[in-house]
Amino acid sequence: MLPFERVAIIGMGLIGSSLARAVRALMPTVRLTVHDADADVRARVLALDLADDVTDTAAAAVVDADLVVLCVPVRAMRAIAESFAADLSPGAVVSDVGSVKGQVLTDLGAVLPKGVALVPAHPVAGTEKSGPDAGFATLFANRWCILTPGPDADPAAVARVDAFWTRLGANVETMTPAHHDMVLAVTSHLPHLIAYSIVGTASDLEGVTSSEVIKYSAGGFRDFTRIAASDPVMWRDVFLTNKDAVLDVLQRFSEDLTALQRAIRWGDGEFLEALFTRTRAVRRTIIDAGQDTDADDFGRPHGS
């Protein structure tokens, strides 16, 4: 039995279009309706045949849906939910895919009507690409999806959202919104902030030309540029809506960075080697958990 029969997806970027593809591939009998605020995106979704219906408004998309998934930047969710709240069916479940959960729970909880269940979710998956052409059906396979229901959430609705993501191949875990936001501040938000900073610094250095930055980017800098190419609007909203957790983690990172500066300045090779040995072991645990490949150079192809 399917957890949902009629699904509406609002926002058809990388995650939304991947979700649509995954639903079509793994739950082909689900009636899928989608909306995007950009008319060009809607036209492209039609051309790619990613849904049964593509609507001009979010309100039209949610009519009769038993699951509505918001795949838009976090700070846009409240206004969009307000626009379709009156059109939701009694008993419908509203969810999302945002990288910040505390703000989502607050914003959506303030505008959704009684009789509609709210179960925020975060599939921890993605690439630096965006737009409907960037999606693929296996994006969520063997990736974590974290559910962050509020204390008054309907257990049956939570179980249905859990079953939905499980059917899409994700590993589902539940935690509080506050705990999620702190964990993701460490594992995702801070790394993106560092990548944006490093790439920005490199582009500003007067002693290194742009051509040299590009020419010699086969080292670690290249991998930072991949992260720094992520959707700027989405990440702007992440940092503004999870600022307390990000600032707490950033303070700890700044203290650790100061310790590294001190070790380098005073030639403390023992400290550096011990840290690098510990961090190398962390990489192995990520590979062992199936969350990345152990192929050389991350599996990038190389000429013979």
Protein backbone atom coordinates (compact mmCIF):
# COMPACT_ATOMS: atom_id res chain seq x y z
CA MET A 1 0.00 0.00 0.00
CA LEU A 2 1.34 3.41 -0.96
CA PRO A 3 1.81 5.95 1.85
CA PHE A 4 0.32 8.67 -0.39
CA GLU A 5 -1.80 8.54 -3.55
CA ARG A 6 -1.66 12.18 -4.68
CA VAL A 7 1.55 14.17 -4.22
CA ALA A 8 2.18 17.85 -4.93
CA ILE A 9 5.73 19.23 -5.23
CA ILE A 10 6.26 22.99 -4.99
CA GLY A 11 9.59 24.05 -6.51
CA MET A 12 11.29 22.13 -9.32
CA GLY A 13 14.97 22.72 -8.79
CA LEU A 14 17.50 19.94 -8.18
CA ILE A 15 15.70 18.42 -5.19
CA GLY A 16 12.16 18.95 -6.43
CA SER A 17 12.86 17.53 -9.88
CA SER A 18 14.80 14.61 -8.39
CA LEU A 19 11.86 13.93 -6.08
CA ALA A 20 9.48 13.97 -9.04
CA ARG A 21 11.69 11.56 -10.98
CA ALA A 22 12.02 9.25 -7.98
CA VAL A 23 8.27 9.19 -7.39
CA ARG A 24 7.63 8.43 -11.07
CA ALA A 25 10.21 5.64 -11.04
CA LEU A 26 9.42 4.00 -7.70
CA MET A 27 5.74 4.84 -7.15
CA PRO A 28 4.41 5.11 -10.70
CA THR A 29 0.73 4.99 -9.72
CA VAL A 30 1.01 8.15 -7.59
CA ARG A 31 -0.76 11.14 -9.13
CA LEU A 32 1.96 13.80 -9.27
CA THR A 33 1.24 17.52 -9.56
CA VAL A 34 3.98 20.15 -9.48
CA HIS A 35 4.39 23.92 -9.50
CA ASP A 36 7.28 26.32 -9.89
CA ALA A 37 7.09 30.11 -9.70
CA ASP A 38 9.24 30.43 -12.85
CA ALA A 39 7.26 30.02 -16.08
CA ASP A 40 10.37 28.87 -17.96
CA VAL A 41 10.95 26.14 -15.38
CA ARG A 42 7.32 25.04 -15.69
CA ALA A 43 7.73 24.80 -19.44
CA ARG A 44 10.89 22.75 -19.04
CA VAL A 45 9.16 20.40 -16.56
CA LEU A 46 6.43 19.84 -19.14
CA ALA A 47 9.01 19.11 -21.82
CA LEU A 48 10.76 16.63 -19.54
CA ASP A 49 7.43 14.99 -18.63
CA LEU A 50 8.23 15.01 -14.93
CA ALA A 51 4.64 15.12 -13.65
CA ASP A 52 1.04 14.38 -14.49
CA ASP A 53 0.08 18.05 -14.06
CA VAL A 54 2.03 21.31 -13.96
CA THR A 55 0.08 24.21 -12.48
CA ASP A 56 0.47 27.97 -12.74
CA THR A 57 -0.08 28.48 -8.99
CA ALA A 58 0.87 26.65 -5.83
CA ALA A 59 -2.76 26.76 -4.69
CA ALA A 60 -3.88 24.84 -7.77
CA ALA A 61 -1.15 22.24 -7.24
CA VAL A 62 -2.23 21.28 -3.72
CA VAL A 63 -5.92 20.71 -4.44
CA ASP A 64 -6.79 17.10 -3.45
CA ALA A 65 -3.13 16.29 -2.63
CA ASP A 66 -2.59 14.09 0.42
CA LEU A 67 1.11 15.05 0.55
CA VAL A 68 2.55 18.48 -0.29
CA VAL A 69 6.34 18.85 -0.34
CA LEU A 70 7.90 22.31 -0.36
CA CYS A 71 11.18 22.30 -2.31
CA VAL A 72 11.91 26.03 -2.16
CA PRO A 73 14.37 28.21 -0.20
CA VAL A 74 13.59 28.21 3.52
CA ARG A 75 12.69 31.89 3.79
CA ALA A 76 10.15 31.55 0.96
CA MET A 77 8.19 28.72 2.58
CA ARG A 78 5.87 30.72 4.82
CA ALA A 79 4.56 33.00 2.08
CA ILE A 80 4.03 30.09 -0.29
CA ALA A 81 2.25 28.05 2.38
CA GLU A 82 0.00 31.03 3.11
CA SER A 83 -0.92 31.17 -0.56
CA PHE A 84 -2.19 27.59 -0.65
CA ALA A 85 -3.31 26.98 2.96
CA ALA A 86 -7.01 27.48 2.17
CA ASP A 87 -6.82 24.94 -0.69
CA LEU A 88 -5.40 22.06 1.34
CA SER A 89 -7.60 19.03 1.88
CA PRO A 90 -8.48 18.03 5.47
CA GLY A 91 -6.05 15.34 6.54
CA ALA A 92 -3.33 16.39 4.09
CA VAL A 93 0.30 16.21 5.16
CA VAL A 94 2.69 19.09 4.45
CA SER A 95 6.43 18.50 4.42
CA ASP A 96 9.55 20.11 2.97
CA VAL A 97 13.19 19.39 2.08
CA GLY A 98 14.89 22.37 3.72
CA SER A 99 18.32 22.22 5.33
CA VAL A 100 17.09 24.17 8.39
CA LYS A 101 14.24 22.75 10.45
CA GLY A 102 13.54 24.98 13.45
CA GLN A 103 12.53 27.94 11.31
CA VAL A 104 10.46 25.73 9.01
CA LEU A 105 8.50 24.29 11.91
CA THR A 106 7.79 27.79 13.23
CA ASP A 107 6.91 29.38 9.89
CA LEU A 108 4.72 26.62 8.49
CA GLY A 109 3.09 25.87 11.83
CA ALA A 110 1.92 29.49 11.98
CA VAL A 111 0.00 29.41 8.70
CA LEU A 112 -1.25 25.87 8.10
CA PRO A 113 -4.89 25.20 9.04
CA LYS A 114 -6.10 22.78 11.69
CA GLY A 115 -6.60 19.29 10.36
CA VAL A 116 -3.41 19.46 8.24
CA ALA A 117 -0.36 17.60 9.56
CA LEU A 118 3.11 19.16 9.40
CA VAL A 119 6.11 16.81 9.19
CA PRO A 120 9.30 18.68 8.23
CA ALA A 121 11.96 16.58 6.50
CA HIS A 122 15.48 16.99 5.20
CA PRO A 123 16.90 14.58 2.62
CA VAL A 124 20.65 14.95 3.13
CA ALA A 125 21.49 14.71 -0.55
CA GLY A 126 22.31 17.04 -3.38
CA THR A 127 24.87 18.34 -5.83
CA GLU A 128 26.14 21.78 -6.75
CA LYS A 129 23.83 21.79 -9.79
CA SER A 130 20.37 23.38 -9.88
CA GLY A 131 17.29 23.44 -12.08
CA PRO A 132 14.95 20.73 -13.39
CA ASP A 133 17.53 19.26 -15.76
CA ALA A 134 19.93 18.61 -12.87
CA GLY A 135 17.68 16.14 -11.04
CA PHE A 136 17.96 12.37 -11.13
CA ALA A 137 15.80 9.61 -9.66
CA THR A 138 18.53 7.96 -7.57
CA LEU A 139 19.61 11.09 -5.70
CA PHE A 140 18.12 9.85 -2.43
CA ALA A 141 19.20 6.20 -2.69
CA ASN A 142 21.09 5.14 0.46
CA ARG A 143 21.15 8.73 1.70
CA TRP A 144 19.75 9.91 5.01
CA CYS A 145 16.43 11.70 5.28
CA ILE A 146 15.91 13.32 8.67
CA LEU A 147 12.36 13.92 9.92
CA THR A 148 11.88 16.66 12.53
CA PRO A 149 8.25 16.60 13.65
CA GLY A 150 7.10 18.96 16.39
CA PRO A 151 6.06 17.65 19.81
CA ASP A 152 2.38 17.65 18.82
CA ALA A 153 2.84 15.98 15.42
CA ASP A 154 0.43 13.24 14.41
CA PRO A 155 2.32 9.91 14.76
CA ALA A 156 0.38 8.42 11.83
CA ALA A 157 1.44 11.31 9.57
CA VAL A 158 5.07 10.92 10.66
CA ALA A 159 4.91 7.20 9.87
CA ARG A 160 3.51 7.93 6.39
CA VAL A 161 6.29 10.43 5.59
CA ASP A 162 8.83 7.91 6.90
CA ALA A 163 7.35 5.25 4.59
CA PHE A 164 7.38 7.69 1.65
CA TRP A 165 11.10 8.40 1.92
CA THR A 166 11.88 4.76 2.60
CA ARG A 167 10.14 3.85 -0.66
CA LEU A 168 12.45 6.34 -2.40
CA GLY A 169 15.50 4.48 -1.09
CA ALA A 170 16.45 6.81 1.75
CA ASN A 171 17.51 5.83 5.26
CA VAL A 172 15.13 7.66 7.60
CA GLU A 173 15.92 9.00 11.06
CA THR A 174 13.93 11.26 13.39
CA MET A 175 15.34 13.98 15.63
CA THR A 176 14.29 17.28 17.16
CA PRO A 177 14.54 20.39 14.96
CA ALA A 178 17.10 21.99 17.29
CA HIS A 179 19.35 18.93 17.27
CA HIS A 180 19.08 18.66 13.49
CA ASP A 181 20.08 22.28 13.03
CA MET A 182 23.17 21.89 15.21
CA VAL A 183 24.26 18.65 13.52
CA LEU A 184 23.83 20.14 10.04
CA ALA A 185 25.64 23.30 11.09
CA VAL A 186 28.70 21.07 11.61
CA THR A 187 28.34 18.64 8.71
CA SER A 188 26.98 20.90 5.99
CA HIS A 189 26.54 24.58 6.77
CA LEU A 190 30.03 25.33 8.11
CA PRO A 191 31.78 23.45 5.25
CA HIS A 192 29.79 25.51 2.74
CA LEU A 193 30.64 28.72 4.59
CA ILE A 194 34.33 27.82 4.57
CA ALA A 195 34.19 26.96 0.86
CA TYR A 196 32.54 30.26 -0.01
CA SER A 197 35.17 32.08 2.06
CA ILE A 198 38.19 30.27 0.58
CA VAL A 199 37.05 30.68 -3.01
CA GLY A 200 36.23 34.33 -2.37
CA THR A 201 39.62 34.92 -0.76
CA ALA A 202 41.46 33.28 -3.65
CA SER A 203 39.62 35.41 -6.19
CA ASP A 204 40.53 38.57 -4.26
CA LEU A 205 44.24 37.89 -3.81
CA GLU A 206 46.12 40.43 -5.89
CA GLY A 207 49.25 38.31 -6.10
CA VAL A 208 47.50 35.40 -7.81
CA THR A 209 45.86 35.94 -11.18
CA SER A 210 42.55 34.39 -12.10
CA SER A 211 44.24 32.25 -14.71
CA GLU A 212 46.62 30.81 -12.12
CA VAL A 213 43.77 29.97 -9.75
CA ILE A 214 42.06 28.05 -12.53
CA LYS A 215 45.25 26.53 -13.93
CA TYR A 216 46.39 25.05 -10.62
CA SER A 217 42.99 24.09 -9.24
CA ALA A 218 43.63 20.33 -9.54
CA GLY A 219 44.42 20.36 -5.80
CA GLY A 220 42.11 20.86 -2.83
CA PHE A 221 40.93 24.26 -4.08
CA ARG A 222 39.06 22.53 -6.93
CA ASP A 223 36.90 20.63 -4.43
CA PHE A 224 36.08 23.82 -2.55
CA THR A 225 34.92 25.41 -5.81
CA ARG A 226 32.42 22.58 -6.32
CA ILE A 227 30.81 23.30 -2.95
CA ALA A 228 30.98 27.05 -3.54
CA ALA A 229 29.03 26.63 -6.78
CA SER A 230 25.88 25.66 -4.84
CA ASP A 231 22.63 27.61 -5.17
CA PRO A 232 23.33 31.09 -3.67
CA VAL A 233 19.71 31.85 -2.74
CA MET A 234 19.23 28.55 -0.95
CA TRP A 235 22.43 28.95 1.02
CA ARG A 236 21.76 32.60 1.85
CA ASP A 237 18.53 31.43 3.49
CA VAL A 238 20.26 28.56 5.29
CA PHE A 239 22.72 30.87 7.04
CA LEU A 240 20.13 33.50 7.92
CA THR A 241 17.64 31.00 9.34
CA ASN A 242 20.16 28.81 11.20
CA LYS A 243 22.39 31.64 12.33
CA ASP A 244 22.55 30.71 16.04
CA ALA A 245 23.80 27.16 15.43
CA VAL A 246 26.13 28.30 12.63
CA LEU A 247 27.64 31.04 14.78
CA ASP A 248 28.17 28.61 17.67
CA VAL A 249 29.96 26.13 15.42
CA LEU A 250 31.88 28.92 13.66
CA GLN A 251 33.18 30.13 17.04
CA ARG A 252 34.46 26.64 17.85
CA PHE A 253 36.03 26.39 14.40
CA SER A 254 37.75 29.77 14.90
CA GLU A 255 39.24 28.55 18.18
CA ASP A 256 40.49 25.34 16.54
CA LEU A 257 41.93 27.36 13.65
CA THR A 258 43.81 29.53 16.14
CA ALA A 259 45.31 26.38 17.68
CA LEU A 260 46.47 25.31 14.21
CA GLN A 261 48.04 28.72 13.62
CA ARG A 262 49.91 28.39 16.90
CA ALA A 263 51.15 24.89 16.05
CA ILE A 264 52.43 25.98 12.65
CA ARG A 265 54.05 29.12 14.04
CA TRP A 266 55.90 27.23 16.77
CA GLY A 267 56.74 24.18 14.65
CA ASP A 268 54.62 21.78 16.70
CA GLY A 269 54.72 18.87 14.27
CA GLU A 270 53.45 16.41 16.88
CA PHE A 271 50.21 18.38 17.28
CA LEU A 272 49.72 18.64 13.51
CA GLU A 273 50.39 14.96 12.84
CA ALA A 274 48.04 13.86 15.63
CA LEU A 275 45.22 16.06 14.27
CA PHE A 276 45.75 14.93 10.67
CA THR A 277 45.81 11.27 11.74
CA ARG A 278 42.51 11.71 13.58
CA THR A 279 40.83 13.49 10.67
CA ARG A 280 42.06 10.87 8.22
CA ALA A 281 40.28 8.24 10.32
CA VAL A 282 37.05 10.25 10.08
CA ARG A 283 37.25 9.99 6.31
CA ARG A 284 37.47 6.21 6.55
CA THR A 285 34.35 6.03 8.73
CA ILE A 286 32.39 8.03 6.14
CA ILE A 287 33.44 5.61 3.40
CA ASP A 288 32.67 2.59 5.58
CA ALA A 289 29.19 4.01 6.20
CA GLY A 290 28.58 4.10 2.44
CA GLN A 291 28.28 7.88 2.32
CA ASP A 292 31.08 8.37 -0.23
CA THR A 293 33.34 6.44 -2.58
CA ASP A 294 36.87 5.33 -1.81
CA ALA A 295 37.81 5.56 -5.49
CA ASP A 296 40.97 7.52 -6.20
CA ASP A 297 40.32 11.26 -6.62
CA PHE A 298 36.63 10.72 -5.76
CA GLY A 299 36.18 8.59 -8.88
CA ARG A 300 37.03 11.36 -11.32
CA PRO A 301 38.06 10.07 -14.78
CA HIS A 302 41.66 10.67 -15.84
CA GLY A 303 43.25 10.41 -19.25
CA SER A 304 45.66 7.59 -19.96
